[in-house]
Amino acid sequence: MRLLQRVVILAAVAVAGLAPAGATTVAAASAKAAAAVRAAASAKAAATGSMQAATAAITVTATIPVGNGPMGVAANPRTSTIYAANGSDGTVSVISGRTNTVTATVGVSGGAVGVAVNPRTRAIYVTTGTPGVAVISGRTNMVVATVPLGVFPVALAVNPRTNTTYVADEDTDTVSVISGRTNAVTATVGVGDFRVAVAVNPRTNTTYVANFAGDTVSVLTSRPR
């Protein structure tokens, strides 16, 4: 407000021919600054309005009943299929993204904890809380393999380009590497303490592991075979 008042006063003085030396220049600069302030305020208001509009556009369109205690969820964008890992009853709910309904329920040994999908092969990988990972075929919705590893595998992620799955074990401070071709562990890598999450960048073939107790992220890099 003070800036605008100064602009108005200096402009009036300049128009009346009573402006002191340099006052016209100051008035012009002040007017330019005032315009910038108004533009910034307008941009902020527009951004706020856009954010509010975007938030208003996002709504809950469905609530899907699944198994007991869902702990993980993953989606296959190619088939529009969602997989929910139900920890309390050791099942995986298969959900159609077109109808938002459960189309199948797959039982796994132990309790289903984490889940990840390879969109290319339609394979689903589920950590069961026991020393192993269940492999489900997305074509048949049946368990086709169980890969033994670690002590308490929880978090996992898939690299669809290399057909490789990375599984973090909370108890052994390791990440197990599973080949999607053989459903066997091809490597075990030591990382930080108490791993809780895994993410993969398929383009760079780089895997990131969050180590909760160590306040670190381990970076795993390998060459595609």
C-alpha atoms as a PDB file:
ATOM      1  CA  MET A   1       0.000   0.000   0.000  1.00  0.00           C
ATOM      2  CA  ARG A   2       2.812   2.449   0.895  1.00  0.00           C
ATOM      3  CA  LEU A   3       4.534   1.732  -2.413  1.00  0.00           C
ATOM      4  CA  LEU A   4       1.368   2.440  -4.393  1.00  0.00           C
ATOM      5  CA  GLN A   5       0.742   5.649  -2.447  1.00  0.00           C
ATOM      6  CA  ARG A   6       4.267   6.825  -3.240  1.00  0.00           C
ATOM      7  CA  VAL A   7       3.757   6.069  -6.936  1.00  0.00           C
ATOM      8  CA  VAL A   8       0.507   8.050  -7.014  1.00  0.00           C
ATOM      9  CA  ILE A   9       2.044  11.054  -5.243  1.00  0.00           C
ATOM     10  CA  LEU A  10       5.139  11.156  -7.447  1.00  0.00           C
ATOM     11  CA  ALA A  11       3.050  10.761 -10.588  1.00  0.00           C
ATOM     12  CA  ALA A  12       0.793  13.634  -9.560  1.00  0.00           C
ATOM     13  CA  VAL A  13       3.787  15.837  -8.833  1.00  0.00           C
ATOM     14  CA  ALA A  14       5.353  15.012 -12.188  1.00  0.00           C
ATOM     15  CA  VAL A  15       2.140  15.814 -14.066  1.00  0.00           C
ATOM     16  CA  ALA A  16       1.815  19.167 -12.284  1.00  0.00           C
ATOM     17  CA  GLY A  17       5.351  20.071 -13.326  1.00  0.00           C
ATOM     18  CA  LEU A  18       6.375  20.414  -9.722  1.00  0.00           C
ATOM     19  CA  ALA A  19       8.554  17.327  -9.493  1.00  0.00           C
ATOM     20  CA  PRO A  20      12.060  17.851  -8.220  1.00  0.00           C
ATOM     21  CA  ALA A  21      15.050  16.693 -10.246  1.00  0.00           C
ATOM     22  CA  GLY A  22      15.004  12.924 -10.642  1.00  0.00           C
ATOM     23  CA  ALA A  23      11.493  12.594  -9.223  1.00  0.00           C
ATOM     24  CA  THR A  24      10.055  11.591 -12.596  1.00  0.00           C
ATOM     25  CA  THR A  25      12.646   8.844 -12.891  1.00  0.00           C
ATOM     26  CA  VAL A  26      11.857   7.645  -9.376  1.00  0.00           C
ATOM     27  CA  ALA A  27       8.153   7.688 -10.180  1.00  0.00           C
ATOM     28  CA  ALA A  28       8.723   5.581 -13.280  1.00  0.00           C
ATOM     29  CA  ALA A  29      10.835   3.103 -11.351  1.00  0.00           C
ATOM     30  CA  SER A  30       8.279   2.966  -8.577  1.00  0.00           C
ATOM     31  CA  ALA A  31       5.497   2.402 -11.111  1.00  0.00           C
ATOM     32  CA  LYS A  32       7.497  -0.420 -12.660  1.00  0.00           C
ATOM     33  CA  ALA A  33       8.043  -1.979  -9.241  1.00  0.00           C
ATOM     34  CA  ALA A  34       4.361  -1.637  -8.432  1.00  0.00           C
ATOM     35  CA  ALA A  35       3.461  -3.363 -11.705  1.00  0.00           C
ATOM     36  CA  ALA A  36       5.828  -6.203 -10.836  1.00  0.00           C
ATOM     37  CA  VAL A  37       4.220  -6.550  -7.409  1.00  0.00           C
ATOM     38  CA  ARG A  38       0.753  -6.655  -8.949  1.00  0.00           C
ATOM     39  CA  ALA A  39       1.904  -9.226 -11.533  1.00  0.00           C
ATOM     40  CA  ALA A  40       3.422 -11.436  -8.834  1.00  0.00           C
ATOM     41  CA  ALA A  41       0.248 -11.201  -6.756  1.00  0.00           C
ATOM     42  CA  SER A  42      -1.844 -12.057  -9.811  1.00  0.00           C
ATOM     43  CA  ALA A  43       0.378 -15.051 -10.632  1.00  0.00           C
ATOM     44  CA  LYS A  44       0.169 -16.277  -7.036  1.00  0.00           C
ATOM     45  CA  ALA A  45      -3.614 -15.967  -7.064  1.00  0.00           C
ATOM     46  CA  ALA A  46      -3.788 -17.859 -10.372  1.00  0.00           C
ATOM     47  CA  ALA A  47      -1.536 -20.631  -9.048  1.00  0.00           C
ATOM     48  CA  THR A  48      -3.604 -20.911  -5.890  1.00  0.00           C
ATOM     49  CA  GLY A  49      -6.779 -21.073  -7.942  1.00  0.00           C
ATOM     50  CA  SER A  50      -5.313 -23.761 -10.205  1.00  0.00           C
ATOM     51  CA  MET A  51      -4.220 -25.811  -7.194  1.00  0.00           C
ATOM     52  CA  GLN A  52      -7.639 -25.533  -5.606  1.00  0.00           C
ATOM     53  CA  ALA A  53      -9.288 -26.518  -8.880  1.00  0.00           C
ATOM     54  CA  ALA A  54      -6.965 -29.517  -9.270  1.00  0.00           C
ATOM     55  CA  THR A  55      -7.656 -30.607  -5.686  1.00  0.00           C
ATOM     56  CA  ALA A  56     -11.381 -30.274  -6.242  1.00  0.00           C
ATOM     57  CA  ALA A  57     -11.063 -32.411  -9.397  1.00  0.00           C
ATOM     58  CA  ILE A  58      -9.544 -35.341  -7.446  1.00  0.00           C
ATOM     59  CA  THR A  59     -12.242 -37.356  -5.722  1.00  0.00           C
ATOM     60  CA  VAL A  60     -12.663 -40.860  -4.335  1.00  0.00           C
ATOM     61  CA  THR A  61     -14.606 -42.701  -7.019  1.00  0.00           C
ATOM     62  CA  ALA A  62     -14.669 -46.171  -5.471  1.00  0.00           C
ATOM     63  CA  THR A  63     -13.886 -48.143  -2.332  1.00  0.00           C
ATOM     64  CA  ILE A  64     -13.093 -51.780  -3.025  1.00  0.00           C
ATOM     65  CA  PRO A  65     -13.430 -54.491  -0.353  1.00  0.00           C
ATOM     66  CA  VAL A  66     -10.425 -56.827  -0.412  1.00  0.00           C
ATOM     67  CA  GLY A  67      -8.883 -59.303   2.048  1.00  0.00           C
ATOM     68  CA  ASN A  68      -7.920 -58.768   5.678  1.00  0.00           C
ATOM     69  CA  GLY A  69      -5.268 -56.175   6.443  1.00  0.00           C
ATOM     70  CA  PRO A  70      -4.050 -55.000   3.023  1.00  0.00           C
ATOM     71  CA  MET A  71      -0.414 -53.915   3.364  1.00  0.00           C
ATOM     72  CA  GLY A  72       0.773 -53.459  -0.192  1.00  0.00           C
ATOM     73  CA  VAL A  73      -0.631 -52.570  -3.602  1.00  0.00           C
ATOM     74  CA  ALA A  74       0.746 -52.536  -7.131  1.00  0.00           C
ATOM     75  CA  ALA A  75      -0.708 -51.952 -10.589  1.00  0.00           C
ATOM     76  CA  ASN A  76      -0.064 -53.280 -14.063  1.00  0.00           C
ATOM     77  CA  PRO A  77      -0.818 -50.331 -16.394  1.00  0.00           C
ATOM     78  CA  ARG A  78      -0.772 -52.556 -19.467  1.00  0.00           C
ATOM     79  CA  THR A  79      -3.619 -54.763 -18.274  1.00  0.00           C
ATOM     80  CA  SER A  80      -5.293 -52.241 -15.961  1.00  0.00           C
ATOM     81  CA  THR A  81      -5.057 -54.755 -13.136  1.00  0.00           C
ATOM     82  CA  ILE A  82      -4.310 -53.979  -9.495  1.00  0.00           C
ATOM     83  CA  TYR A  83      -2.922 -56.387  -6.918  1.00  0.00           C
ATOM     84  CA  ALA A  84      -3.495 -55.907  -3.176  1.00  0.00           C
ATOM     85  CA  ALA A  85      -1.404 -57.900  -0.704  1.00  0.00           C
ATOM     86  CA  ASN A  86      -3.491 -58.810   2.338  1.00  0.00           C
ATOM     87  CA  GLY A  87      -1.206 -59.355   5.305  1.00  0.00           C
ATOM     88  CA  SER A  88      -3.655 -60.828   7.783  1.00  0.00           C
ATOM     89  CA  ASP A  89      -5.023 -63.662   5.670  1.00  0.00           C
ATOM     90  CA  GLY A  90      -2.114 -64.365   3.314  1.00  0.00           C
ATOM     91  CA  THR A  91      -3.903 -63.576   0.068  1.00  0.00           C
ATOM     92  CA  VAL A  92      -3.577 -61.307  -2.933  1.00  0.00           C
ATOM     93  CA  SER A  93      -6.712 -59.645  -4.276  1.00  0.00           C
ATOM     94  CA  VAL A  94      -6.765 -59.176  -8.058  1.00  0.00           C
ATOM     95  CA  ILE A  95      -8.728 -56.056  -8.993  1.00  0.00           C
ATOM     96  CA  SER A  96      -9.981 -55.002 -12.418  1.00  0.00           C
ATOM     97  CA  GLY A  97      -9.165 -51.359 -13.055  1.00  0.00           C
ATOM     98  CA  ARG A  98     -12.072 -51.152 -15.467  1.00  0.00           C
ATOM     99  CA  THR A  99     -14.778 -52.259 -13.042  1.00  0.00           C
ATOM    100  CA  ASN A 100     -13.082 -51.654  -9.657  1.00  0.00           C
ATOM    101  CA  THR A 101     -14.079 -55.123  -8.516  1.00  0.00           C
ATOM    102  CA  VAL A 102     -12.106 -58.113  -7.239  1.00  0.00           C
ATOM    103  CA  THR A 103     -11.904 -60.696  -9.995  1.00  0.00           C
ATOM    104  CA  ALA A 104      -9.757 -63.284  -8.202  1.00  0.00           C
ATOM    105  CA  THR A 105      -8.124 -64.065  -4.860  1.00  0.00           C
ATOM    106  CA  VAL A 106      -4.770 -65.841  -4.795  1.00  0.00           C
ATOM    107  CA  GLY A 107      -3.499 -67.543  -1.651  1.00  0.00           C
ATOM    108  CA  VAL A 108       0.181 -67.419  -0.725  1.00  0.00           C
ATOM    109  CA  SER A 109       2.008 -69.155   2.101  1.00  0.00           C
ATOM    110  CA  GLY A 110       2.597 -66.962   5.120  1.00  0.00           C
ATOM    111  CA  GLY A 111       1.295 -63.419   5.121  1.00  0.00           C
ATOM    112  CA  ALA A 112       1.343 -61.206   2.039  1.00  0.00           C
ATOM    113  CA  VAL A 113       3.287 -58.049   2.825  1.00  0.00           C
ATOM    114  CA  GLY A 114       4.787 -56.315  -0.197  1.00  0.00           C
ATOM    115  CA  VAL A 115       3.842 -56.637  -3.853  1.00  0.00           C
ATOM    116  CA  ALA A 116       5.396 -55.563  -7.161  1.00  0.00           C
ATOM    117  CA  VAL A 117       4.492 -56.174 -10.798  1.00  0.00           C
ATOM    118  CA  ASN A 118       6.465 -56.657 -13.991  1.00  0.00           C
ATOM    119  CA  PRO A 119       4.176 -55.171 -16.677  1.00  0.00           C
ATOM    120  CA  ARG A 120       6.086 -56.827 -19.505  1.00  0.00           C
ATOM    121  CA  THR A 121       5.919 -60.411 -18.241  1.00  0.00           C
ATOM    122  CA  ARG A 122       2.730 -59.946 -16.170  1.00  0.00           C
ATOM    123  CA  ALA A 123       4.482 -61.597 -13.225  1.00  0.00           C
ATOM    124  CA  ILE A 124       3.550 -60.523  -9.699  1.00  0.00           C
ATOM    125  CA  TYR A 125       6.035 -60.808  -6.846  1.00  0.00           C
ATOM    126  CA  VAL A 126       4.814 -60.974  -3.244  1.00  0.00           C
ATOM    127  CA  THR A 127       6.898 -60.976  -0.085  1.00  0.00           C
ATOM    128  CA  THR A 128       5.253 -63.305   2.389  1.00  0.00           C
ATOM    129  CA  GLY A 129       6.877 -62.380   5.685  1.00  0.00           C
ATOM    130  CA  THR A 130       8.431 -65.842   5.774  1.00  0.00           C
ATOM    131  CA  PRO A 131      11.760 -66.527   4.044  1.00  0.00           C
ATOM    132  CA  GLY A 132      10.477 -66.315   0.513  1.00  0.00           C
ATOM    133  CA  VAL A 133       8.837 -64.489  -2.384  1.00  0.00           C
ATOM    134  CA  ALA A 134       5.762 -65.898  -4.104  1.00  0.00           C
ATOM    135  CA  VAL A 135       5.615 -65.475  -7.870  1.00  0.00           C
ATOM    136  CA  ILE A 136       2.116 -65.226  -9.366  1.00  0.00           C
ATOM    137  CA  SER A 137       1.282 -65.453 -13.057  1.00  0.00           C
ATOM    138  CA  GLY A 138      -0.892 -62.565 -14.162  1.00  0.00           C
ATOM    139  CA  ARG A 139      -2.280 -64.743 -16.921  1.00  0.00           C
ATOM    140  CA  THR A 140      -3.561 -67.558 -14.694  1.00  0.00           C
ATOM    141  CA  ASN A 141      -3.677 -65.870 -11.257  1.00  0.00           C
ATOM    142  CA  MET A 142      -1.845 -68.843  -9.795  1.00  0.00           C
ATOM    143  CA  VAL A 143       1.383 -69.149  -7.787  1.00  0.00           C
ATOM    144  CA  VAL A 144       3.974 -70.519 -10.201  1.00  0.00           C
ATOM    145  CA  ALA A 145       7.058 -70.377  -7.964  1.00  0.00           C
ATOM    146  CA  THR A 146       8.297 -69.597  -4.482  1.00  0.00           C
ATOM    147  CA  VAL A 147      11.781 -68.147  -4.196  1.00  0.00           C
ATOM    148  CA  PRO A 148      13.446 -68.826  -0.814  1.00  0.00           C
ATOM    149  CA  LEU A 149      15.599 -66.007   0.505  1.00  0.00           C
ATOM    150  CA  GLY A 150      16.550 -64.021   3.591  1.00  0.00           C
ATOM    151  CA  VAL A 151      14.790 -64.135   6.938  1.00  0.00           C
ATOM    152  CA  PHE A 152      12.049 -61.520   6.716  1.00  0.00           C
ATOM    153  CA  PRO A 153      11.729 -60.047   3.211  1.00  0.00           C
ATOM    154  CA  VAL A 154       9.327 -57.115   3.062  1.00  0.00           C
ATOM    155  CA  ALA A 155      10.044 -54.385   0.491  1.00  0.00           C
ATOM    156  CA  LEU A 156      10.634 -55.115  -3.188  1.00  0.00           C
ATOM    157  CA  ALA A 157      10.734 -53.489  -6.617  1.00  0.00           C
ATOM    158  CA  VAL A 158      10.905 -54.714 -10.211  1.00  0.00           C
ATOM    159  CA  ASN A 159      13.067 -53.600 -13.113  1.00  0.00           C
ATOM    160  CA  PRO A 160      10.954 -54.562 -16.157  1.00  0.00           C
ATOM    161  CA  ARG A 161      13.767 -53.808 -18.607  1.00  0.00           C
ATOM    162  CA  THR A 162      16.080 -56.420 -17.118  1.00  0.00           C
ATOM    163  CA  ASN A 163      13.312 -58.679 -15.778  1.00  0.00           C
ATOM    164  CA  THR A 164      14.874 -58.462 -12.329  1.00  0.00           C
ATOM    165  CA  THR A 165      13.334 -58.111  -8.880  1.00  0.00           C
ATOM    166  CA  TYR A 166      15.094 -56.579  -5.878  1.00  0.00           C
ATOM    167  CA  VAL A 167      13.958 -57.722  -2.435  1.00  0.00           C
ATOM    168  CA  ALA A 168      15.051 -56.093   0.834  1.00  0.00           C
ATOM    169  CA  ASP A 169      15.264 -58.251   3.945  1.00  0.00           C
ATOM    170  CA  GLU A 170      14.737 -56.464   7.251  1.00  0.00           C
ATOM    171  CA  ASP A 171      16.686 -58.931   9.375  1.00  0.00           C
ATOM    172  CA  THR A 172      19.786 -59.688   7.319  1.00  0.00           C
ATOM    173  CA  ASP A 173      20.734 -56.194   6.053  1.00  0.00           C
ATOM    174  CA  THR A 174      20.727 -57.489   2.487  1.00  0.00           C
ATOM    175  CA  VAL A 175      19.000 -57.114  -0.856  1.00  0.00           C
ATOM    176  CA  SER A 176      18.377 -60.264  -2.873  1.00  0.00           C
ATOM    177  CA  VAL A 177      18.348 -60.069  -6.668  1.00  0.00           C
ATOM    178  CA  ILE A 178      15.874 -62.417  -8.386  1.00  0.00           C
ATOM    179  CA  SER A 179      15.986 -63.312 -12.069  1.00  0.00           C
ATOM    180  CA  GLY A 180      12.564 -63.250 -13.661  1.00  0.00           C
ATOM    181  CA  ARG A 181      13.711 -65.831 -16.197  1.00  0.00           C
ATOM    182  CA  THR A 182      14.686 -68.506 -13.687  1.00  0.00           C
ATOM    183  CA  ASN A 183      12.900 -67.367 -10.496  1.00  0.00           C
ATOM    184  CA  ALA A 184      16.168 -67.858  -8.655  1.00  0.00           C
ATOM    185  CA  VAL A 185      18.385 -65.575  -6.569  1.00  0.00           C
ATOM    186  CA  THR A 186      21.365 -64.456  -8.643  1.00  0.00           C
ATOM    187  CA  ALA A 187      23.021 -62.164  -6.097  1.00  0.00           C
ATOM    188  CA  THR A 188      22.803 -60.982  -2.495  1.00  0.00           C
ATOM    189  CA  VAL A 189      24.058 -57.484  -1.701  1.00  0.00           C
ATOM    190  CA  GLY A 190      24.777 -56.081   1.747  1.00  0.00           C
ATOM    191  CA  VAL A 191      23.219 -52.678   2.408  1.00  0.00           C
ATOM    192  CA  GLY A 192      22.289 -50.513   5.415  1.00  0.00           C
ATOM    193  CA  ASP A 193      20.379 -51.306   8.573  1.00  0.00           C
ATOM    194  CA  PHE A 194      16.619 -52.020   8.622  1.00  0.00           C
ATOM    195  CA  ARG A 195      15.606 -51.648   4.994  1.00  0.00           C
ATOM    196  CA  VAL A 196      12.013 -50.465   4.567  1.00  0.00           C
ATOM    197  CA  ALA A 197      11.639 -49.459   0.918  1.00  0.00           C
ATOM    198  CA  VAL A 198      13.079 -50.196  -2.530  1.00  0.00           C
ATOM    199  CA  ALA A 199      12.782 -48.290  -5.807  1.00  0.00           C
ATOM    200  CA  VAL A 200      14.242 -48.906  -9.264  1.00  0.00           C
ATOM    201  CA  ASN A 201      15.150 -46.616 -12.146  1.00  0.00           C
ATOM    202  CA  PRO A 202      14.835 -48.914 -15.190  1.00  0.00           C
ATOM    203  CA  ARG A 203      16.585 -46.498 -17.552  1.00  0.00           C
ATOM    204  CA  THR A 204      19.807 -46.386 -15.548  1.00  0.00           C
ATOM    205  CA  ASN A 205      19.431 -49.868 -14.047  1.00  0.00           C
ATOM    206  CA  THR A 206      19.888 -48.331 -10.609  1.00  0.00           C
ATOM    207  CA  THR A 207      18.208 -49.511  -7.413  1.00  0.00           C
ATOM    208  CA  TYR A 208      17.663 -47.397  -4.307  1.00  0.00           C
ATOM    209  CA  VAL A 209      17.186 -48.862  -0.826  1.00  0.00           C
ATOM    210  CA  ALA A 210      15.976 -46.858   2.171  1.00  0.00           C
ATOM    211  CA  ASN A 211      17.768 -47.818   5.387  1.00  0.00           C
ATOM    212  CA  PHE A 212      15.544 -46.673   8.248  1.00  0.00           C
ATOM    213  CA  ALA A 213      17.928 -47.272  11.159  1.00  0.00           C
ATOM    214  CA  GLY A 214      20.974 -45.916   9.356  1.00  0.00           C
ATOM    215  CA  ASP A 215      19.375 -42.714   8.018  1.00  0.00           C
ATOM    216  CA  THR A 216      20.803 -43.544   4.592  1.00  0.00           C
ATOM    217  CA  VAL A 217      19.846 -44.671   1.098  1.00  0.00           C
ATOM    218  CA  SER A 218      21.941 -47.367  -0.550  1.00  0.00           C
ATOM    219  CA  VAL A 219      22.469 -47.116  -4.309  1.00  0.00           C
ATOM    220  CA  LEU A 220      22.907 -50.353  -6.250  1.00  0.00           C
ATOM    221  CA  THR A 221      24.164 -50.162  -9.822  1.00  0.00           C
ATOM    222  CA  SER A 222      24.609 -53.053 -12.229  1.00  0.00           C
ATOM    223  CA  ARG A 223      24.995 -53.606 -15.937  1.00  0.00           C
ATOM    224  CA  PRO A 224      22.103 -55.220 -17.807  1.00  0.00           C
ATOM    225  CA  ARG A 225      22.870 -58.770 -18.920  1.00  0.00           C
END
